[in-house]
PDB file of all heavy atoms in Angstrom:
ATOM      1  N   ASN A   1       0.813  -1.213   0.000  1.00  0.00           N
ATOM      2  CA  ASN A   1       0.000   0.000   0.000  1.00  0.00           C
ATOM      3  C   ASN A   1       0.846   1.261   0.000  1.00  0.00           C
ATOM      4  O   ASN A   1       0.325   2.359  -0.144  1.00  0.00           O
ATOM      5  CB  ASN A   1      -0.945   0.017   1.203  1.00  0.00           C
ATOM      6  CG  ASN A   1      -1.987  -1.070   1.108  1.00  0.00           C
ATOM      7  OD1 ASN A   1      -2.320  -1.517   0.025  1.00  0.00           O
ATOM      8  ND2 ASN A   1      -2.492  -1.506   2.239  1.00  0.00           N
ATOM      9  N   GLY A   2       2.155   1.127   0.205  1.00  0.00           N
ATOM     10  CA  GLY A   2       3.050   2.270   0.165  1.00  0.00           C
ATOM     11  C   GLY A   2       2.974   3.176   1.381  1.00  0.00           C
ATOM     12  O   GLY A   2       3.360   4.315   1.319  1.00  0.00           O
ATOM     13  N   CYS A   3       2.475   2.676   2.482  1.00  0.00           N
ATOM     14  CA  CYS A   3       2.328   3.487   3.684  1.00  0.00           C
ATOM     15  C   CYS A   3       3.661   3.556   4.417  1.00  0.00           C
ATOM     16  O   CYS A   3       4.230   2.541   4.773  1.00  0.00           O
ATOM     17  CB  CYS A   3       1.253   2.892   4.595  1.00  0.00           C
ATOM     18  SG  CYS A   3       1.001   3.796   6.109  1.00  0.00           S
ATOM     19  N   SER A   4       4.139   4.761   4.621  1.00  0.00           N
ATOM     20  CA  SER A   4       5.359   4.942   5.393  1.00  0.00           C
ATOM     21  C   SER A   4       5.010   4.806   6.866  1.00  0.00           C
ATOM     22  O   SER A   4       3.868   4.562   7.222  1.00  0.00           O
ATOM     23  CB  SER A   4       5.942   6.333   5.124  1.00  0.00           C
ATOM     24  OG  SER A   4       5.061   7.319   5.601  1.00  0.00           O
ATOM     25  N   GLU A   5       5.978   4.976   7.735  1.00  0.00           N
ATOM     26  CA  GLU A   5       5.717   4.882   9.170  1.00  0.00           C
ATOM     27  C   GLU A   5       4.674   5.902   9.624  1.00  0.00           C
ATOM     28  O   GLU A   5       3.928   5.665  10.546  1.00  0.00           O
ATOM     29  CB  GLU A   5       7.010   5.053   9.970  1.00  0.00           C
ATOM     30  CG  GLU A   5       7.946   3.864   9.859  1.00  0.00           C
ATOM     31  CD  GLU A   5       7.330   2.556  10.342  1.00  0.00           C
ATOM     32  OE1 GLU A   5       6.701   2.526  11.413  1.00  0.00           O
ATOM     33  OE2 GLU A   5       7.481   1.540   9.636  1.00  0.00           O
ATOM     34  N   THR A   6       4.633   7.062   8.981  1.00  0.00           N
ATOM     35  CA  THR A   6       3.670   8.092   9.372  1.00  0.00           C
ATOM     36  C   THR A   6       2.408   8.069   8.513  1.00  0.00           C
ATOM     37  O   THR A   6       1.492   8.833   8.751  1.00  0.00           O
ATOM     38  CB  THR A   6       4.301   9.490   9.250  1.00  0.00           C
ATOM     39  OG1 THR A   6       4.706   9.691   7.882  1.00  0.00           O
ATOM     40  CG2 THR A   6       5.490   9.641  10.186  1.00  0.00           C
ATOM     41  N   CYS A   7       2.387   7.187   7.518  1.00  0.00           N
ATOM     42  CA  CYS A   7       1.253   7.097   6.585  1.00  0.00           C
ATOM     43  C   CYS A   7       0.893   8.473   6.032  1.00  0.00           C
ATOM     44  O   CYS A   7      -0.235   8.930   6.110  1.00  0.00           O
ATOM     45  CB  CYS A   7       0.053   6.430   7.244  1.00  0.00           C
ATOM     46  SG  CYS A   7       0.341   4.686   7.553  1.00  0.00           S
ATOM     47  N   THR A   8       1.883   9.141   5.505  1.00  0.00           N
ATOM     48  CA  THR A   8       1.708  10.455   4.902  1.00  0.00           C
ATOM     49  C   THR A   8       1.697  10.295   3.389  1.00  0.00           C
ATOM     50  O   THR A   8       2.492   9.538   2.836  1.00  0.00           O
ATOM     51  CB  THR A   8       2.870  11.385   5.317  1.00  0.00           C
ATOM     52  OG1 THR A   8       2.919  11.433   6.742  1.00  0.00           O
ATOM     53  CG2 THR A   8       2.670  12.781   4.783  1.00  0.00           C
ATOM     54  N   ALA A   9       0.812  11.025   2.734  1.00  0.00           N
ATOM     55  CA  ALA A   9       0.709  10.957   1.276  1.00  0.00           C
ATOM     56  C   ALA A   9       2.013  11.390   0.615  1.00  0.00           C
ATOM     57  O   ALA A   9       2.695  12.276   1.107  1.00  0.00           O
ATOM     58  CB  ALA A   9      -0.439  11.836   0.798  1.00  0.00           C
ATOM     59  N   LYS A  10       2.317  10.748  -0.475  1.00  0.00           N
ATOM     60  CA  LYS A  10       3.502  11.098  -1.247  1.00  0.00           C
ATOM     61  C   LYS A  10       3.032  11.676  -2.579  1.00  0.00           C
ATOM     62  O   LYS A  10       2.075  11.206  -3.165  1.00  0.00           O
ATOM     63  CB  LYS A  10       4.341   9.857  -1.503  1.00  0.00           C
ATOM     64  CG  LYS A  10       4.721   9.123  -0.237  1.00  0.00           C
ATOM     65  CD  LYS A  10       6.195   8.978  -0.139  1.00  0.00           C
ATOM     66  CE  LYS A  10       6.651   8.212   1.059  1.00  0.00           C
ATOM     67  NZ  LYS A  10       6.055   8.469   2.296  1.00  0.00           N
ATOM     68  N   ASN A  11       3.719  12.705  -3.057  1.00  0.00           N
ATOM     69  CA  ASN A  11       3.338  13.365  -4.295  1.00  0.00           C
ATOM     70  C   ASN A  11       4.257  12.924  -5.421  1.00  0.00           C
ATOM     71  O   ASN A  11       5.469  12.919  -5.265  1.00  0.00           O
ATOM     72  CB  ASN A  11       3.410  14.885  -4.121  1.00  0.00           C
ATOM     73  CG  ASN A  11       2.579  15.608  -5.136  1.00  0.00           C
ATOM     74  OD1 ASN A  11       2.185  15.045  -6.140  1.00  0.00           O
ATOM     75  ND2 ASN A  11       2.296  16.865  -4.875  1.00  0.00           N
ATOM     76  N   ARG A  12       3.681  12.567  -6.537  1.00  0.00           N
ATOM     77  CA  ARG A  12       4.482  12.135  -7.686  1.00  0.00           C
ATOM     78  C   ARG A  12       4.776  13.270  -8.650  1.00  0.00           C
ATOM     79  O   ARG A  12       5.639  13.166  -9.482  1.00  0.00           O
ATOM     80  CB  ARG A  12       3.755  11.002  -8.402  1.00  0.00           C
ATOM     81  CG  ARG A  12       3.731   9.736  -7.560  1.00  0.00           C
ATOM     82  CD  ARG A  12       2.897   8.651  -8.220  1.00  0.00           C
ATOM     83  NE  ARG A  12       2.772   7.487  -7.365  1.00  0.00           N
ATOM     84  CZ  ARG A  12       1.842   7.325  -6.446  1.00  0.00           C
ATOM     85  NH1 ARG A  12       0.946   8.251  -6.244  1.00  0.00           N
ATOM     86  NH2 ARG A  12       1.794   6.244  -5.707  1.00  0.00           N
ATOM     87  N   SER A  13       4.033  14.360  -8.565  1.00  0.00           N
ATOM     88  CA  SER A  13       4.223  15.487  -9.472  1.00  0.00           C
ATOM     89  C   SER A  13       5.435  16.301  -9.036  1.00  0.00           C
ATOM     90  O   SER A  13       5.559  16.683  -7.886  1.00  0.00           O
ATOM     91  CB  SER A  13       2.984  16.383  -9.468  1.00  0.00           C
ATOM     92  OG  SER A  13       3.175  17.477 -10.323  1.00  0.00           O
ATOM     93  N   LYS A  14       6.322  16.564  -9.959  1.00  0.00           N
ATOM     94  CA  LYS A  14       7.546  17.303  -9.644  1.00  0.00           C
ATOM     95  C   LYS A  14       7.551  18.696 -10.259  1.00  0.00           C
ATOM     96  O   LYS A  14       8.314  19.551  -9.854  1.00  0.00           O
ATOM     97  CB  LYS A  14       8.779  16.524 -10.134  1.00  0.00           C
ATOM     98  CG  LYS A  14       8.913  15.154  -9.511  1.00  0.00           C
ATOM     99  CD  LYS A  14       9.155  15.233  -8.033  1.00  0.00           C
ATOM    100  CE  LYS A  14       9.275  13.847  -7.435  1.00  0.00           C
ATOM    101  NZ  LYS A  14       9.191  13.839  -6.008  1.00  0.00           N
ATOM    102  N   GLU A  15       6.720  18.932 -11.265  1.00  0.00           N
ATOM    103  CA  GLU A  15       6.702  20.222 -11.936  1.00  0.00           C
ATOM    104  C   GLU A  15       6.009  21.260 -11.064  1.00  0.00           C
ATOM    105  O   GLU A  15       4.832  21.128 -10.740  1.00  0.00           O
ATOM    106  CB  GLU A  15       5.977  20.119 -13.279  1.00  0.00           C
ATOM    107  CG  GLU A  15       5.981  21.417 -14.051  1.00  0.00           C
ATOM    108  CD  GLU A  15       5.158  21.323 -15.327  1.00  0.00           C
ATOM    109  OE1 GLU A  15       4.718  20.226 -15.688  1.00  0.00           O
ATOM    110  OE2 GLU A  15       4.963  22.374 -15.937  1.00  0.00           O
ATOM    111  N   MET A  16       6.739  22.290 -10.659  1.00  0.00           N
ATOM    112  CA  MET A  16       6.198  23.311  -9.784  1.00  0.00           C
ATOM    113  C   MET A  16       5.696  24.486 -10.618  1.00  0.00           C
ATOM    114  O   MET A  16       6.401  25.459 -10.854  1.00  0.00           O
ATOM    115  CB  MET A  16       7.248  23.780  -8.781  1.00  0.00           C
ATOM    116  CG  MET A  16       6.641  24.516  -7.610  1.00  0.00           C
ATOM    117  SD  MET A  16       7.831  24.884  -6.300  1.00  0.00           S
ATOM    118  CE  MET A  16       8.555  23.301  -5.999  1.00  0.00           C
ATOM    119  N   ALA A  17       4.460  24.353 -11.074  1.00  0.00           N
ATOM    120  CA  ALA A  17       3.845  25.417 -11.868  1.00  0.00           C
ATOM    121  C   ALA A  17       2.353  25.403 -11.617  1.00  0.00           C
ATOM    122  O   ALA A  17       1.727  24.352 -11.599  1.00  0.00           O
ATOM    123  CB  ALA A  17       4.132  25.200 -13.348  1.00  0.00           C
ATOM    124  N   CYS A  18       1.783  26.585 -11.420  1.00  0.00           N
ATOM    125  CA  CYS A  18       0.348  26.718 -11.211  1.00  0.00           C
ATOM    126  C   CYS A  18      -0.346  26.574 -12.567  1.00  0.00           C
ATOM    127  O   CYS A  18       0.096  27.144 -13.562  1.00  0.00           O
ATOM    128  CB  CYS A  18       0.031  28.069 -10.588  1.00  0.00           C
ATOM    129  SG  CYS A  18      -1.709  28.249 -10.166  1.00  0.00           S
ATOM    130  N   LYS A  19      -1.424  25.820 -12.604  1.00  0.00           N
ATOM    131  CA  LYS A  19      -2.124  25.561 -13.849  1.00  0.00           C
ATOM    132  C   LYS A  19      -3.326  26.476 -14.083  1.00  0.00           C
ATOM    133  O   LYS A  19      -4.062  26.309 -15.035  1.00  0.00           O
ATOM    134  CB  LYS A  19      -2.544  24.093 -13.891  1.00  0.00           C
ATOM    135  CG  LYS A  19      -1.343  23.171 -13.995  1.00  0.00           C
ATOM    136  CD  LYS A  19      -1.698  21.764 -13.615  1.00  0.00           C
ATOM    137  CE  LYS A  19      -0.498  20.850 -13.606  1.00  0.00           C
ATOM    138  NZ  LYS A  19       0.537  21.205 -12.682  1.00  0.00           N
ATOM    139  N   LEU A  20      -3.520  27.453 -13.202  1.00  0.00           N
ATOM    140  CA  LEU A  20      -4.604  28.417 -13.395  1.00  0.00           C
ATOM    141  C   LEU A  20      -4.126  29.560 -14.278  1.00  0.00           C
ATOM    142  O   LEU A  20      -2.970  29.951 -14.226  1.00  0.00           O
ATOM    143  CB  LEU A  20      -5.059  29.002 -12.047  1.00  0.00           C
ATOM    144  CG  LEU A  20      -5.856  28.099 -11.122  1.00  0.00           C
ATOM    145  CD1 LEU A  20      -6.189  28.838  -9.841  1.00  0.00           C
ATOM    146  CD2 LEU A  20      -7.127  27.613 -11.779  1.00  0.00           C
ATOM    147  N   THR A  21      -5.045  30.093 -15.034  1.00  0.00           N
ATOM    148  CA  THR A  21      -4.697  31.277 -15.827  1.00  0.00           C
ATOM    149  C   THR A  21      -4.602  32.469 -14.883  1.00  0.00           C
ATOM    150  O   THR A  21      -5.083  32.437 -13.761  1.00  0.00           O
ATOM    151  CB  THR A  21      -5.766  31.549 -16.898  1.00  0.00           C
ATOM    152  OG1 THR A  21      -6.991  31.844 -16.240  1.00  0.00           O
ATOM    153  CG2 THR A  21      -5.939  30.365 -17.827  1.00  0.00           C
ATOM    154  N   THR A  22      -4.014  33.544 -15.333  1.00  0.00           N
ATOM    155  CA  THR A  22      -3.828  34.726 -14.504  1.00  0.00           C
ATOM    156  C   THR A  22      -5.144  35.272 -13.934  1.00  0.00           C
ATOM    157  O   THR A  22      -5.217  35.514 -12.728  1.00  0.00           O
ATOM    158  CB  THR A  22      -3.064  35.816 -15.278  1.00  0.00           C
ATOM    159  OG1 THR A  22      -1.833  35.242 -15.721  1.00  0.00           O
ATOM    160  CG2 THR A  22      -2.770  37.007 -14.403  1.00  0.00           C
ATOM    161  N   PRO A  23      -6.205  35.437 -14.697  1.00  0.00           N
ATOM    162  CA  PRO A  23      -7.460  35.928 -14.106  1.00  0.00           C
ATOM    163  C   PRO A  23      -8.030  34.965 -13.059  1.00  0.00           C
ATOM    164  O   PRO A  23      -8.549  35.392 -12.038  1.00  0.00           O
ATOM    165  CB  PRO A  23      -8.409  36.059 -15.301  1.00  0.00           C
ATOM    166  CG  PRO A  23      -7.545  36.126 -16.503  1.00  0.00           C
ATOM    167  CD  PRO A  23      -6.294  35.372 -16.162  1.00  0.00           C
ATOM    168  N   GLN A  24      -7.896  33.655 -13.312  1.00  0.00           N
ATOM    169  CA  GLN A  24      -8.384  32.672 -12.345  1.00  0.00           C
ATOM    170  C   GLN A  24      -7.605  32.769 -11.036  1.00  0.00           C
ATOM    171  O   GLN A  24      -8.181  32.732  -9.953  1.00  0.00           O
ATOM    172  CB  GLN A  24      -8.253  31.253 -12.904  1.00  0.00           C
ATOM    173  CG  GLN A  24      -9.226  30.915 -14.006  1.00  0.00           C
ATOM    174  CD  GLN A  24      -8.914  29.555 -14.607  1.00  0.00           C
ATOM    175  OE1 GLN A  24      -7.759  29.239 -14.887  1.00  0.00           O
ATOM    176  NE2 GLN A  24      -9.957  28.768 -14.795  1.00  0.00           N
ATOM    177  N   LEU A  25      -6.294  32.884 -11.145  1.00  0.00           N
ATOM    178  CA  LEU A  25      -5.453  32.982  -9.957  1.00  0.00           C
ATOM    179  C   LEU A  25      -5.764  34.248  -9.177  1.00  0.00           C
ATOM    180  O   LEU A  25      -5.872  34.221  -7.949  1.00  0.00           O
ATOM    181  CB  LEU A  25      -3.971  32.946 -10.348  1.00  0.00           C
ATOM    182  CG  LEU A  25      -2.963  32.984  -9.198  1.00  0.00           C
ATOM    183  CD1 LEU A  25      -3.201  31.842  -8.233  1.00  0.00           C
ATOM    184  CD2 LEU A  25      -1.545  32.938  -9.741  1.00  0.00           C
ATOM    185  N   ARG A  26      -5.930  35.353  -9.883  1.00  0.00           N
ATOM    186  CA  ARG A  26      -6.254  36.621  -9.218  1.00  0.00           C
ATOM    187  C   ARG A  26      -7.579  36.508  -8.463  1.00  0.00           C
ATOM    188  O   ARG A  26      -7.697  36.933  -7.324  1.00  0.00           O
ATOM    189  CB  ARG A  26      -6.311  37.755 -10.253  1.00  0.00           C
ATOM    190  CG  ARG A  26      -6.439  39.119  -9.645  1.00  0.00           C
ATOM    191  CD  ARG A  26      -6.263  40.268 -10.644  1.00  0.00           C
ATOM    192  NE  ARG A  26      -6.842  40.042 -11.963  1.00  0.00           N
ATOM    193  CZ  ARG A  26      -6.136  39.846 -13.077  1.00  0.00           C
ATOM    194  NH1 ARG A  26      -4.826  39.831 -13.028  1.00  0.00           N
ATOM    195  NH2 ARG A  26      -6.737  39.665 -14.233  1.00  0.00           N
ATOM    196  N   GLN A  27      -8.576  35.860  -9.068  1.00  0.00           N
ATOM    197  CA  GLN A  27      -9.873  35.686  -8.409  1.00  0.00           C
ATOM    198  C   GLN A  27      -9.744  34.805  -7.161  1.00  0.00           C
ATOM    199  O   GLN A  27     -10.333  35.077  -6.130  1.00  0.00           O
ATOM    200  CB  GLN A  27     -10.895  35.087  -9.375  1.00  0.00           C
ATOM    201  CG  GLN A  27     -12.271  34.956  -8.752  1.00  0.00           C
ATOM    202  CD  GLN A  27     -13.279  34.330  -9.709  1.00  0.00           C
ATOM    203  OE1 GLN A  27     -12.928  33.896 -10.801  1.00  0.00           O
ATOM    204  NE2 GLN A  27     -14.510  34.287  -9.294  1.00  0.00           N
ATOM    205  N   ARG A  28      -8.936  33.726  -7.260  1.00  0.00           N
ATOM    206  CA  ARG A  28      -8.726  32.855  -6.094  1.00  0.00           C
ATOM    207  C   ARG A  28      -8.060  33.613  -4.957  1.00  0.00           C
ATOM    208  O   ARG A  28      -8.422  33.459  -3.803  1.00  0.00           O
ATOM    209  CB  ARG A  28      -7.857  31.655  -6.464  1.00  0.00           C
ATOM    210  CG  ARG A  28      -8.650  30.471  -6.935  1.00  0.00           C
ATOM    211  CD  ARG A  28      -7.769  29.271  -7.159  1.00  0.00           C
ATOM    212  NE  ARG A  28      -7.142  28.702  -5.988  1.00  0.00           N
ATOM    213  CZ  ARG A  28      -7.776  28.077  -5.015  1.00  0.00           C
ATOM    214  NH1 ARG A  28      -9.080  27.985  -5.036  1.00  0.00           N
ATOM    215  NH2 ARG A  28      -7.124  27.551  -4.012  1.00  0.00           N
ATOM    216  N   LYS A  29      -7.060  34.425  -5.283  1.00  0.00           N
ATOM    217  CA  LYS A  29      -6.364  35.189  -4.251  1.00  0.00           C
ATOM    218  C   LYS A  29      -7.310  36.172  -3.578  1.00  0.00           C
ATOM    219  O   LYS A  29      -7.202  36.423  -2.381  1.00  0.00           O
ATOM    220  CB  LYS A  29      -5.157  35.926  -4.840  1.00  0.00           C
ATOM    221  CG  LYS A  29      -3.983  35.028  -5.122  1.00  0.00           C
ATOM    222  CD  LYS A  29      -2.806  35.830  -5.614  1.00  0.00           C
ATOM    223  CE  LYS A  29      -1.616  34.926  -5.841  1.00  0.00           C
ATOM    224  NZ  LYS A  29      -0.445  35.637  -6.314  1.00  0.00           N
ATOM    225  N   GLU A  30      -8.227  36.725  -4.352  1.00  0.00           N
ATOM    226  CA  GLU A  30      -9.163  37.710  -3.800  1.00  0.00           C
ATOM    227  C   GLU A  30     -10.274  37.072  -2.980  1.00  0.00           C
ATOM    228  O   GLU A  30     -10.896  37.740  -2.171  1.00  0.00           O
ATOM    229  CB  GLU A  30      -9.772  38.543  -4.937  1.00  0.00           C
ATOM    230  CG  GLU A  30      -8.764  39.438  -5.625  1.00  0.00           C
ATOM    231  CD  GLU A  30      -9.316  40.099  -6.883  1.00  0.00           C
ATOM    232  OE1 GLU A  30     -10.488  39.866  -7.228  1.00  0.00           O
ATOM    233  OE2 GLU A  30      -8.561  40.844  -7.532  1.00  0.00           O
ATOM    234  N   THR A  31     -10.539  35.801  -3.169  1.00  0.00           N
ATOM    235  CA  THR A  31     -11.668  35.168  -2.470  1.00  0.00           C
ATOM    236  C   THR A  31     -11.195  34.119  -1.474  1.00  0.00           C
ATOM    237  O   THR A  31     -11.022  34.406  -0.294  1.00  0.00           O
ATOM    238  CB  THR A  31     -12.653  34.556  -3.496  1.00  0.00           C
ATOM    239  OG1 THR A  31     -11.950  33.621  -4.316  1.00  0.00           O
ATOM    240  CG2 THR A  31     -13.302  35.622  -4.347  1.00  0.00           C
ATOM    241  N   VAL A  32     -10.962  32.911  -1.946  1.00  0.00           N
ATOM    242  CA  VAL A  32     -10.656  31.777  -1.067  1.00  0.00           C
ATOM    243  C   VAL A  32      -9.394  32.011  -0.242  1.00  0.00           C
ATOM    244  O   VAL A  32      -9.417  31.888   0.990  1.00  0.00           O
ATOM    245  CB  VAL A  32     -10.505  30.481  -1.902  1.00  0.00           C
ATOM    246  CG1 VAL A  32     -10.134  29.304  -1.021  1.00  0.00           C
ATOM    247  CG2 VAL A  32     -11.778  30.196  -2.664  1.00  0.00           C
ATOM    248  N   ILE A  33      -8.315  32.341  -0.900  1.00  0.00           N
ATOM    249  CA  ILE A  33      -7.046  32.516  -0.184  1.00  0.00           C
ATOM    250  C   ILE A  33      -7.115  33.714   0.763  1.00  0.00           C
ATOM    251  O   ILE A  33      -6.630  33.642   1.892  1.00  0.00           O
ATOM    252  CB  ILE A  33      -5.873  32.631  -1.180  1.00  0.00           C
ATOM    253  CG1 ILE A  33      -5.738  31.309  -1.949  1.00  0.00           C
ATOM    254  CG2 ILE A  33      -4.577  32.970  -0.465  1.00  0.00           C
ATOM    255  CD1 ILE A  33      -4.738  31.328  -3.080  1.00  0.00           C
TER     256      ILE A  33
END
């Protein structure tokens, strides 16, 4: 099952880039964040 001693999720994605467009990101920053 791949559970470490702490059973913490592991991430397979290595590319560090936001996939939202600029207007979407701006709206998220103004509301949720």
